[in-house]
Amino acid sequence: MDIVRYALLIAHFIGLAAILGPFLDQWRSDVKRVTQTMVWGARAQLLTGLLLVGVAEMNDFEVDHAKIAVKLLVAVAVAGAAEVGAKKTKALTSDSPADAVRTLWWVVGALTVVNIAVAVAWR
């Protein structure tokens, strides 16, 4: 079961990198875009996070359910903002304002960092 847990943890970190990589790459860019990589990263984070909790419960590890609930809510918000942001990014034209996409880009990045802080600091 340790192999499954480690594989899920690696996939969870890859999902994190898929969100933060494009976010940080666009940091100094004038036009922000929520990419499909960010969307798939958010989806991967959500799925692998749930599976990691399931594996922990199956192995009788003590799980802090309040922490998991907070992380789940934030992860759902990240995934939702990424989905909407990607859809708005696809609809962008040279005439349309990019303010909504910029806001969603910030939401995705900021909430991802919040989720990291909850994972690390909540003991």
C-alpha atoms as a PDB file:
ATOM      1  CA  MET A   1       0.000   0.000   0.000  1.00  0.00           C
ATOM      2  CA  ASP A   2       2.990   2.293   0.485  1.00  0.00           C
ATOM      3  CA  ILE A   3       3.697   2.118  -3.244  1.00  0.00           C
ATOM      4  CA  VAL A   4       0.166   3.310  -4.006  1.00  0.00           C
ATOM      5  CA  ARG A   5       0.471   6.135  -1.459  1.00  0.00           C
ATOM      6  CA  TYR A   6       3.809   7.288  -2.859  1.00  0.00           C
ATOM      7  CA  ALA A   7       2.550   7.104  -6.448  1.00  0.00           C
ATOM      8  CA  LEU A   8      -0.478   9.205  -5.487  1.00  0.00           C
ATOM      9  CA  LEU A   9       1.729  11.670  -3.619  1.00  0.00           C
ATOM     10  CA  ILE A  10       3.979  12.067  -6.667  1.00  0.00           C
ATOM     11  CA  ALA A  11       0.920  12.592  -8.891  1.00  0.00           C
ATOM     12  CA  HIS A  12      -0.377  15.135  -6.347  1.00  0.00           C
ATOM     13  CA  PHE A  13       2.894  17.085  -6.569  1.00  0.00           C
ATOM     14  CA  ILE A  14       2.817  16.934 -10.367  1.00  0.00           C
ATOM     15  CA  GLY A  15      -0.687  18.419 -10.248  1.00  0.00           C
ATOM     16  CA  LEU A  16       0.632  21.183  -8.001  1.00  0.00           C
ATOM     17  CA  ALA A  17       3.454  21.901 -10.437  1.00  0.00           C
ATOM     18  CA  ALA A  18       0.968  21.967 -13.323  1.00  0.00           C
ATOM     19  CA  ILE A  19      -0.923  24.773 -11.577  1.00  0.00           C
ATOM     20  CA  LEU A  20       1.964  26.809 -10.204  1.00  0.00           C
ATOM     21  CA  GLY A  21       4.259  26.437 -13.222  1.00  0.00           C
ATOM     22  CA  PRO A  22       2.063  28.337 -15.690  1.00  0.00           C
ATOM     23  CA  PHE A  23       0.983  30.741 -12.943  1.00  0.00           C
ATOM     24  CA  LEU A  24       4.560  31.741 -12.147  1.00  0.00           C
ATOM     25  CA  ASP A  25       5.528  31.700 -15.817  1.00  0.00           C
ATOM     26  CA  GLN A  26       2.940  34.393 -16.530  1.00  0.00           C
ATOM     27  CA  TRP A  27       3.737  36.483 -13.454  1.00  0.00           C
ATOM     28  CA  ARG A  28       5.377  39.331 -15.396  1.00  0.00           C
ATOM     29  CA  SER A  29       3.256  38.948 -18.498  1.00  0.00           C
ATOM     30  CA  ASP A  30       0.772  41.696 -19.348  1.00  0.00           C
ATOM     31  CA  VAL A  31      -1.936  39.288 -20.506  1.00  0.00           C
ATOM     32  CA  LYS A  32      -2.792  36.509 -18.068  1.00  0.00           C
ATOM     33  CA  ARG A  33      -4.295  33.231 -19.231  1.00  0.00           C
ATOM     34  CA  VAL A  34      -5.662  30.233 -17.379  1.00  0.00           C
ATOM     35  CA  THR A  35      -4.172  27.360 -19.340  1.00  0.00           C
ATOM     36  CA  GLN A  36      -5.422  23.815 -19.864  1.00  0.00           C
ATOM     37  CA  THR A  37      -2.340  22.674 -17.956  1.00  0.00           C
ATOM     38  CA  MET A  38      -3.613  24.595 -14.932  1.00  0.00           C
ATOM     39  CA  VAL A  39      -7.073  23.044 -15.343  1.00  0.00           C
ATOM     40  CA  TRP A  40      -5.707  19.506 -15.526  1.00  0.00           C
ATOM     41  CA  GLY A  41      -3.397  20.227 -12.601  1.00  0.00           C
ATOM     42  CA  ALA A  42      -6.359  21.363 -10.501  1.00  0.00           C
ATOM     43  CA  ARG A  43      -8.302  18.263 -11.485  1.00  0.00           C
ATOM     44  CA  ALA A  44      -5.324  16.056 -10.622  1.00  0.00           C
ATOM     45  CA  GLN A  45      -4.886  17.767  -7.259  1.00  0.00           C
ATOM     46  CA  LEU A  46      -8.526  17.210  -6.400  1.00  0.00           C
ATOM     47  CA  LEU A  47      -8.595  13.566  -7.442  1.00  0.00           C
ATOM     48  CA  THR A  48      -5.238  12.548  -5.977  1.00  0.00           C
ATOM     49  CA  GLY A  49      -5.988  14.421  -2.754  1.00  0.00           C
ATOM     50  CA  LEU A  50      -9.210  12.485  -2.289  1.00  0.00           C
ATOM     51  CA  LEU A  51      -7.449   9.215  -3.093  1.00  0.00           C
ATOM     52  CA  LEU A  52      -4.640  10.019  -0.634  1.00  0.00           C
ATOM     53  CA  VAL A  53      -7.212  10.513   2.122  1.00  0.00           C
ATOM     54  CA  GLY A  54      -8.871   7.233   1.166  1.00  0.00           C
ATOM     55  CA  VAL A  55      -5.564   5.360   1.288  1.00  0.00           C
ATOM     56  CA  ALA A  56      -4.746   6.945   4.662  1.00  0.00           C
ATOM     57  CA  GLU A  57      -8.134   5.899   6.053  1.00  0.00           C
ATOM     58  CA  MET A  58      -7.688   2.348   4.721  1.00  0.00           C
ATOM     59  CA  ASN A  59      -4.308   2.111   6.475  1.00  0.00           C
ATOM     60  CA  ASP A  60      -5.794   3.357   9.761  1.00  0.00           C
ATOM     61  CA  PHE A  61      -3.705   6.537   9.727  1.00  0.00           C
ATOM     62  CA  GLU A  62      -5.143   9.304  11.843  1.00  0.00           C
ATOM     63  CA  VAL A  63      -6.675  11.879   9.478  1.00  0.00           C
ATOM     64  CA  ASP A  64      -7.553  15.430  10.563  1.00  0.00           C
ATOM     65  CA  HIS A  65     -10.983  15.695   8.977  1.00  0.00           C
ATOM     66  CA  ALA A  66     -11.293  19.440   9.601  1.00  0.00           C
ATOM     67  CA  LYS A  67      -8.041  20.058   7.719  1.00  0.00           C
ATOM     68  CA  ILE A  68      -9.131  17.784   4.894  1.00  0.00           C
ATOM     69  CA  ALA A  69     -12.479  19.594   4.666  1.00  0.00           C
ATOM     70  CA  VAL A  70     -10.751  22.979   4.376  1.00  0.00           C
ATOM     71  CA  LYS A  71      -8.312  21.648   1.777  1.00  0.00           C
ATOM     72  CA  LEU A  72     -11.185  20.073  -0.178  1.00  0.00           C
ATOM     73  CA  LEU A  73     -13.152  23.327  -0.241  1.00  0.00           C
ATOM     74  CA  VAL A  74     -10.112  25.264  -1.417  1.00  0.00           C
ATOM     75  CA  ALA A  75      -9.275  22.608  -4.032  1.00  0.00           C
ATOM     76  CA  VAL A  76     -12.829  22.686  -5.384  1.00  0.00           C
ATOM     77  CA  ALA A  77     -12.608  26.493  -5.582  1.00  0.00           C
ATOM     78  CA  VAL A  78      -9.283  26.243  -7.441  1.00  0.00           C
ATOM     79  CA  ALA A  79     -10.679  23.693  -9.892  1.00  0.00           C
ATOM     80  CA  GLY A  80     -13.829  25.744 -10.455  1.00  0.00           C
ATOM     81  CA  ALA A  81     -11.903  28.966 -11.008  1.00  0.00           C
ATOM     82  CA  ALA A  82      -9.514  27.153 -13.366  1.00  0.00           C
ATOM     83  CA  GLU A  83     -12.385  25.673 -15.387  1.00  0.00           C
ATOM     84  CA  VAL A  84     -14.163  29.025 -15.712  1.00  0.00           C
ATOM     85  CA  GLY A  85     -10.899  30.868 -16.361  1.00  0.00           C
ATOM     86  CA  ALA A  86      -9.881  28.479 -19.125  1.00  0.00           C
ATOM     87  CA  LYS A  87     -13.270  28.858 -20.776  1.00  0.00           C
ATOM     88  CA  LYS A  88     -12.989  32.662 -20.602  1.00  0.00           C
ATOM     89  CA  THR A  89      -9.408  32.466 -21.897  1.00  0.00           C
ATOM     90  CA  LYS A  90     -10.607  30.545 -24.975  1.00  0.00           C
ATOM     91  CA  ALA A  91     -13.239  33.223 -25.588  1.00  0.00           C
ATOM     92  CA  LEU A  92     -10.680  36.057 -25.480  1.00  0.00           C
ATOM     93  CA  THR A  93     -10.267  38.106 -28.623  1.00  0.00           C
ATOM     94  CA  SER A  94      -8.104  41.115 -29.272  1.00  0.00           C
ATOM     95  CA  ASP A  95     -11.142  43.337 -28.604  1.00  0.00           C
ATOM     96  CA  SER A  96     -12.443  41.730 -25.400  1.00  0.00           C
ATOM     97  CA  PRO A  97     -11.193  42.815 -21.980  1.00  0.00           C
ATOM     98  CA  ALA A  98      -8.994  40.339 -20.150  1.00  0.00           C
ATOM     99  CA  ASP A  99      -9.866  41.573 -16.641  1.00  0.00           C
ATOM    100  CA  ALA A 100     -12.060  38.579 -15.801  1.00  0.00           C
ATOM    101  CA  VAL A 101      -9.347  36.156 -16.888  1.00  0.00           C
ATOM    102  CA  ARG A 102      -6.726  38.090 -14.906  1.00  0.00           C
ATOM    103  CA  THR A 103      -8.902  37.899 -11.797  1.00  0.00           C
ATOM    104  CA  LEU A 104      -9.464  34.164 -12.205  1.00  0.00           C
ATOM    105  CA  TRP A 105      -5.745  33.667 -12.860  1.00  0.00           C
ATOM    106  CA  TRP A 106      -5.017  35.372  -9.531  1.00  0.00           C
ATOM    107  CA  VAL A 107      -7.690  33.328  -7.753  1.00  0.00           C
ATOM    108  CA  VAL A 108      -6.247  30.051  -9.058  1.00  0.00           C
ATOM    109  CA  GLY A 109      -2.693  30.957  -8.053  1.00  0.00           C
ATOM    110  CA  ALA A 110      -3.534  32.501  -4.684  1.00  0.00           C
ATOM    111  CA  LEU A 111      -5.839  29.692  -3.576  1.00  0.00           C
ATOM    112  CA  THR A 112      -3.243  27.126  -4.631  1.00  0.00           C
ATOM    113  CA  VAL A 113      -0.723  28.833  -2.360  1.00  0.00           C
ATOM    114  CA  VAL A 114      -3.352  28.937   0.414  1.00  0.00           C
ATOM    115  CA  ASN A 115      -3.848  25.188   0.015  1.00  0.00           C
ATOM    116  CA  ILE A 116      -0.099  24.638   0.286  1.00  0.00           C
ATOM    117  CA  ALA A 117      -0.012  26.763   3.442  1.00  0.00           C
ATOM    118  CA  VAL A 118      -2.873  24.766   4.982  1.00  0.00           C
ATOM    119  CA  ALA A 119      -1.123  21.491   4.120  1.00  0.00           C
ATOM    120  CA  VAL A 120       2.177  22.591   5.625  1.00  0.00           C
ATOM    121  CA  ALA A 121       1.201  24.794   8.569  1.00  0.00           C
ATOM    122  CA  TRP A 122      -1.903  23.049   9.923  1.00  0.00           C
ATOM    123  CA  ARG A 123      -0.743  20.477  12.455  1.00  0.00           C
END
